Amino acid sequence: MTEPFVILPGLMCDGRMFGAQIEALAAQVIDGFYGGADSIGAMADYALARAPGRFALMGHSMGARVALEVWRRAPARVARLALADTGVHGVKPGEADKRYGLRDLGRAEGFDALVDAWLPPMIGPVHRENPRLYGDLRAMVLDAGQAVYEAQIAALLGRPDAEAVVATVRCPLFAIVGADDAWSPVAQHEAIVAAVPGAELRVIAGAGHMAPAEAPEAFNAALAAWLKKAG
């Protein structure tokens, strides 16, 4: 791979989630919580304005939906595409209620209450009791704040049809997921690779939704091998 490697973070995440990828793979993370954008399209525009001319791209969780929108808007700029711990389905029954429930918890009891309800299930059981990992992720999410959470859930609940976009991907596509990801399970990634000829899937043992931070060595090894493959 000769192109720069760009990462798009997920809900309430920034470059602190991807420190291991920055160090090992010279990744550029699009930081700044997408400037407070409240639509997937605006997030894609934010990323495109800050990315190199042509690049390898990974989106994590919500960031994978942004990455697919980047592909839809500017396919010539995307050399290869990785989708991590994510899905391409539409809004599921009950999803809005869960997201608004967290929103209302934050409004009523403070943003730290929202974070402490949301974050633990995002981490795999093996890593959930790791105080350093949890503390680092909690500090990152707290820095996002209530307004960013509300903007980003508005983007997610109004998200475009990502499933249709996946079917148009013609660059090398890679799906990667933690085996213990309860929010975006392995089956969702199996469906993604089934939709794109030649797409690959790697499952990271013992990791949950925050796989890039939970199991950085295994995650990086899988990414590095894929990035080195001929396009």
Protein backbone atom coordinates (compact mmCIF):
# COMPACT_ATOMS: atom_id res chain seq x y z
CA MET A 1 0.00 0.00 0.00
CA THR A 2 1.35 3.39 -0.95
CA GLU A 3 -1.70 5.50 -0.10
CA PRO A 4 -2.07 7.16 3.31
CA PHE A 5 -4.35 5.36 5.77
CA VAL A 6 -7.30 7.35 7.15
CA ILE A 7 -9.60 6.34 10.03
CA LEU A 8 -13.12 7.65 10.68
CA PRO A 9 -14.16 7.28 14.35
CA GLY A 10 -17.51 6.11 15.65
CA LEU A 11 -20.02 7.55 18.07
CA MET A 12 -18.36 9.88 20.60
CA CYS A 13 -14.88 8.66 19.64
CA ASP A 14 -11.77 10.43 18.40
CA GLY A 15 -8.10 9.65 17.80
CA ARG A 16 -7.60 8.41 21.35
CA MET A 17 -9.51 5.28 20.35
CA PHE A 18 -6.93 4.54 17.66
CA GLY A 19 -3.61 5.31 19.31
CA ALA A 20 -2.24 1.88 18.46
CA GLN A 21 -3.20 2.27 14.80
CA ILE A 22 -1.66 5.74 14.62
CA GLU A 23 1.58 4.40 16.03
CA ALA A 24 1.84 1.11 14.13
CA LEU A 25 0.21 2.01 10.82
CA ALA A 26 0.85 5.76 10.58
CA ALA A 27 -2.90 6.27 10.44
CA GLN A 28 -4.48 9.69 10.16
CA VAL A 29 -7.61 9.93 12.30
CA ILE A 30 -10.25 12.49 11.37
CA ASP A 31 -10.59 14.14 14.77
CA GLY A 32 -12.91 16.79 16.11
CA PHE A 33 -16.11 14.72 16.46
CA TYR A 34 -16.96 15.71 12.85
CA GLY A 35 -17.32 19.32 13.90
CA GLY A 36 -20.61 18.60 15.61
CA ALA A 37 -22.25 17.47 12.35
CA ASP A 38 -25.72 15.97 12.69
CA SER A 39 -25.95 14.03 9.43
CA ILE A 40 -23.89 11.27 7.83
CA GLY A 41 -23.54 13.40 4.70
CA ALA A 42 -22.12 16.35 6.63
CA MET A 43 -19.71 14.01 8.41
CA ALA A 44 -18.53 12.66 5.05
CA ASP A 45 -17.95 16.20 3.79
CA TYR A 46 -16.02 17.01 6.98
CA ALA A 47 -13.80 13.96 6.43
CA LEU A 48 -13.24 14.58 2.73
CA ALA A 49 -12.15 18.15 3.43
CA ARG A 50 -9.43 16.86 5.78
CA ALA A 51 -8.29 13.71 3.99
CA PRO A 52 -5.48 13.36 1.42
CA GLY A 53 -6.25 13.24 -2.27
CA ARG A 54 -6.39 9.45 -2.38
CA PHE A 55 -6.28 7.15 0.62
CA ALA A 56 -7.03 3.79 2.19
CA LEU A 57 -10.01 4.25 4.51
CA MET A 58 -11.30 2.52 7.63
CA GLY A 59 -14.49 3.49 9.38
CA HIS A 60 -15.28 2.18 12.85
CA SER A 61 -18.90 1.75 13.99
CA MET A 62 -20.74 4.95 12.96
CA GLY A 63 -17.55 5.91 11.14
CA ALA A 64 -18.03 2.96 8.79
CA ARG A 65 -21.34 4.44 7.69
CA VAL A 66 -19.54 7.72 7.13
CA ALA A 67 -16.87 5.83 5.16
CA LEU A 68 -19.51 4.33 2.88
CA GLU A 69 -20.90 7.81 2.27
CA VAL A 70 -17.35 8.99 1.47
CA TRP A 71 -17.15 6.16 -1.06
CA ARG A 72 -20.52 7.13 -2.54
CA ARG A 73 -19.50 10.78 -2.92
CA ALA A 74 -15.86 10.35 -3.96
CA PRO A 75 -15.07 6.76 -5.02
CA ALA A 76 -12.00 7.79 -7.01
CA ARG A 77 -10.35 8.97 -3.79
CA VAL A 78 -10.81 5.69 -1.90
CA ALA A 79 -8.15 3.10 -2.75
CA ARG A 80 -9.48 0.47 -0.35
CA LEU A 81 -12.13 0.35 2.33
CA ALA A 82 -12.30 -1.34 5.75
CA LEU A 83 -15.51 -1.47 7.78
CA ALA A 84 -15.00 -2.25 11.47
CA ASP A 85 -17.50 -3.18 14.19
CA THR A 86 -20.48 -1.91 12.27
CA GLY A 87 -23.57 -2.74 10.21
CA VAL A 88 -25.34 -1.51 7.12
CA HIS A 89 -28.95 -2.14 8.19
CA GLY A 90 -31.55 0.58 8.54
CA VAL A 91 -32.93 1.82 11.84
CA LYS A 92 -34.17 -1.18 13.81
CA PRO A 93 -37.36 -1.30 15.89
CA GLY A 94 -36.64 0.12 19.31
CA GLU A 95 -33.34 1.70 18.29
CA ALA A 96 -34.61 5.26 18.51
CA ASP A 97 -36.10 4.62 21.94
CA LYS A 98 -32.76 3.30 23.25
CA ARG A 99 -30.81 6.24 21.86
CA TYR A 100 -33.33 8.78 23.11
CA GLY A 101 -33.39 7.04 26.48
CA LEU A 102 -29.67 7.65 26.84
CA ARG A 103 -30.12 11.22 25.63
CA ASP A 104 -32.75 11.83 28.29
CA LEU A 105 -30.59 10.21 30.97
CA GLY A 106 -27.80 12.64 30.10
CA ARG A 107 -30.16 15.59 30.19
CA ALA A 108 -31.64 14.58 33.53
CA GLU A 109 -28.65 13.22 35.45
CA GLY A 110 -25.62 14.62 33.65
CA PHE A 111 -23.51 13.40 30.78
CA ASP A 112 -21.37 11.19 33.00
CA ALA A 113 -24.47 9.12 33.79
CA LEU A 114 -25.08 8.64 30.07
CA VAL A 115 -21.47 7.58 29.52
CA ASP A 116 -21.50 5.10 32.39
CA ALA A 117 -24.67 3.49 31.03
CA TRP A 118 -23.48 3.39 27.41
CA LEU A 119 -19.80 2.53 27.56
CA PRO A 120 -19.48 -0.76 29.49
CA PRO A 121 -21.54 -2.86 27.04
CA MET A 122 -19.42 -1.50 24.19
CA ILE A 123 -16.35 -3.27 25.65
CA GLY A 124 -15.95 -7.03 25.45
CA PRO A 125 -16.30 -9.01 28.72
CA VAL A 126 -12.60 -9.94 28.72
CA HIS A 127 -11.54 -6.27 28.77
CA ARG A 128 -14.40 -4.60 30.63
CA GLU A 129 -12.64 -4.68 33.99
CA ASN A 130 -9.37 -3.23 32.65
CA PRO A 131 -9.19 0.07 34.58
CA ARG A 132 -6.72 1.76 32.26
CA LEU A 133 -8.66 0.90 29.10
CA TYR A 134 -11.96 1.88 30.63
CA GLY A 135 -10.55 5.09 32.07
CA ASP A 136 -9.02 6.14 28.76
CA LEU A 137 -12.19 5.42 26.79
CA ARG A 138 -14.38 7.10 29.40
CA ALA A 139 -12.27 10.26 29.34
CA MET A 140 -12.52 10.37 25.54
CA VAL A 141 -16.29 9.95 25.52
CA LEU A 142 -16.77 12.50 28.28
CA ASP A 143 -14.89 15.01 26.15
CA ALA A 144 -17.42 14.49 23.36
CA GLY A 145 -20.22 15.88 25.52
CA GLN A 146 -23.99 15.83 25.39
CA ALA A 147 -24.32 18.07 22.32
CA VAL A 148 -22.07 15.82 20.22
CA TYR A 149 -23.99 12.74 21.38
CA GLU A 150 -27.29 14.32 20.38
CA ALA A 151 -25.95 15.45 17.00
CA GLN A 152 -24.49 12.04 16.26
CA ILE A 153 -27.59 10.08 17.21
CA ALA A 154 -29.59 12.41 14.97
CA ALA A 155 -27.18 11.44 12.17
CA LEU A 156 -27.55 7.76 12.94
CA LEU A 157 -31.33 7.82 13.17
CA GLY A 158 -31.48 9.73 9.87
CA ARG A 159 -28.80 7.62 8.19
CA PRO A 160 -28.94 6.91 4.46
CA ASP A 161 -29.28 3.41 2.99
CA ALA A 162 -25.81 1.97 3.56
CA GLU A 163 -26.79 -1.49 2.35
CA ALA A 164 -27.36 -0.15 -1.14
CA VAL A 165 -23.98 1.61 -1.09
CA VAL A 166 -22.09 -1.53 -0.04
CA ALA A 167 -23.29 -3.24 -3.21
CA THR A 168 -21.56 -0.54 -5.28
CA VAL A 169 -18.11 -0.92 -3.68
CA ARG A 170 -15.50 -1.86 -6.29
CA CYS A 171 -12.29 -1.26 -4.34
CA PRO A 172 -10.83 -3.95 -2.04
CA LEU A 173 -13.17 -4.26 0.93
CA PHE A 174 -12.32 -5.65 4.38
CA ALA A 175 -14.66 -6.21 7.32
CA ILE A 176 -13.17 -6.59 10.78
CA VAL A 177 -15.02 -7.17 14.04
CA GLY A 178 -14.49 -8.23 17.63
CA ALA A 179 -15.80 -11.74 18.27
CA ASP A 180 -17.58 -10.46 21.38
CA ASP A 181 -19.08 -7.34 19.79
CA ALA A 182 -22.61 -7.37 21.20
CA TRP A 183 -23.67 -4.14 19.45
CA SER A 184 -22.48 -5.02 15.92
CA PRO A 185 -22.17 -8.81 15.90
CA VAL A 186 -20.12 -10.95 13.55
CA ALA A 187 -23.19 -11.89 11.48
CA GLN A 188 -23.57 -8.30 10.31
CA HIS A 189 -20.04 -8.39 8.91
CA GLU A 190 -20.63 -11.73 7.24
CA ALA A 191 -23.52 -10.09 5.40
CA ILE A 192 -21.31 -7.19 4.31
CA VAL A 193 -18.61 -9.40 2.79
CA ALA A 194 -21.24 -11.58 1.12
CA ALA A 195 -22.47 -8.51 -0.77
CA VAL A 196 -19.07 -7.62 -2.30
CA PRO A 197 -17.13 -10.09 -4.47
CA GLY A 198 -13.63 -10.64 -3.12
CA ALA A 199 -14.33 -8.96 0.23
CA GLU A 200 -12.57 -10.38 3.29
CA LEU A 201 -13.59 -10.81 6.92
CA ARG A 202 -11.41 -11.03 10.01
CA VAL A 203 -12.80 -11.73 13.49
CA ILE A 204 -10.70 -10.59 16.46
CA ALA A 205 -10.92 -13.09 19.31
CA GLY A 206 -11.78 -11.79 22.75
CA ALA A 207 -12.63 -8.25 21.62
CA GLY A 208 -15.88 -6.34 21.78
CA HIS A 209 -17.14 -3.27 19.94
CA MET A 210 -14.07 -1.23 20.86
CA ALA A 211 -11.78 -3.81 19.24
CA PRO A 212 -9.11 -1.34 17.98
CA ALA A 213 -8.38 -0.36 21.59
CA GLU A 214 -9.21 -3.67 23.28
CA ALA A 215 -6.99 -5.94 21.15
CA PRO A 216 -4.66 -3.55 19.32
CA GLU A 217 -1.97 -6.06 18.37
CA ALA A 218 -4.38 -8.53 16.76
CA PHE A 219 -6.38 -5.72 15.18
CA ASN A 220 -3.27 -4.09 13.75
CA ALA A 221 -1.90 -7.38 12.44
CA ALA A 222 -5.12 -8.03 10.53
CA LEU A 223 -5.19 -4.50 9.14
CA ALA A 224 -1.49 -4.49 8.20
CA ALA A 225 -1.83 -7.74 6.26
CA TRP A 226 -4.82 -6.38 4.38
CA LEU A 227 -3.17 -3.04 3.64
CA LYS A 228 -0.15 -4.80 2.16
CA LYS A 229 -2.21 -6.82 -0.31
CA ALA A 230 -2.26 -5.69 -3.90
CA GLY A 231 -5.30 -3.65 -4.78
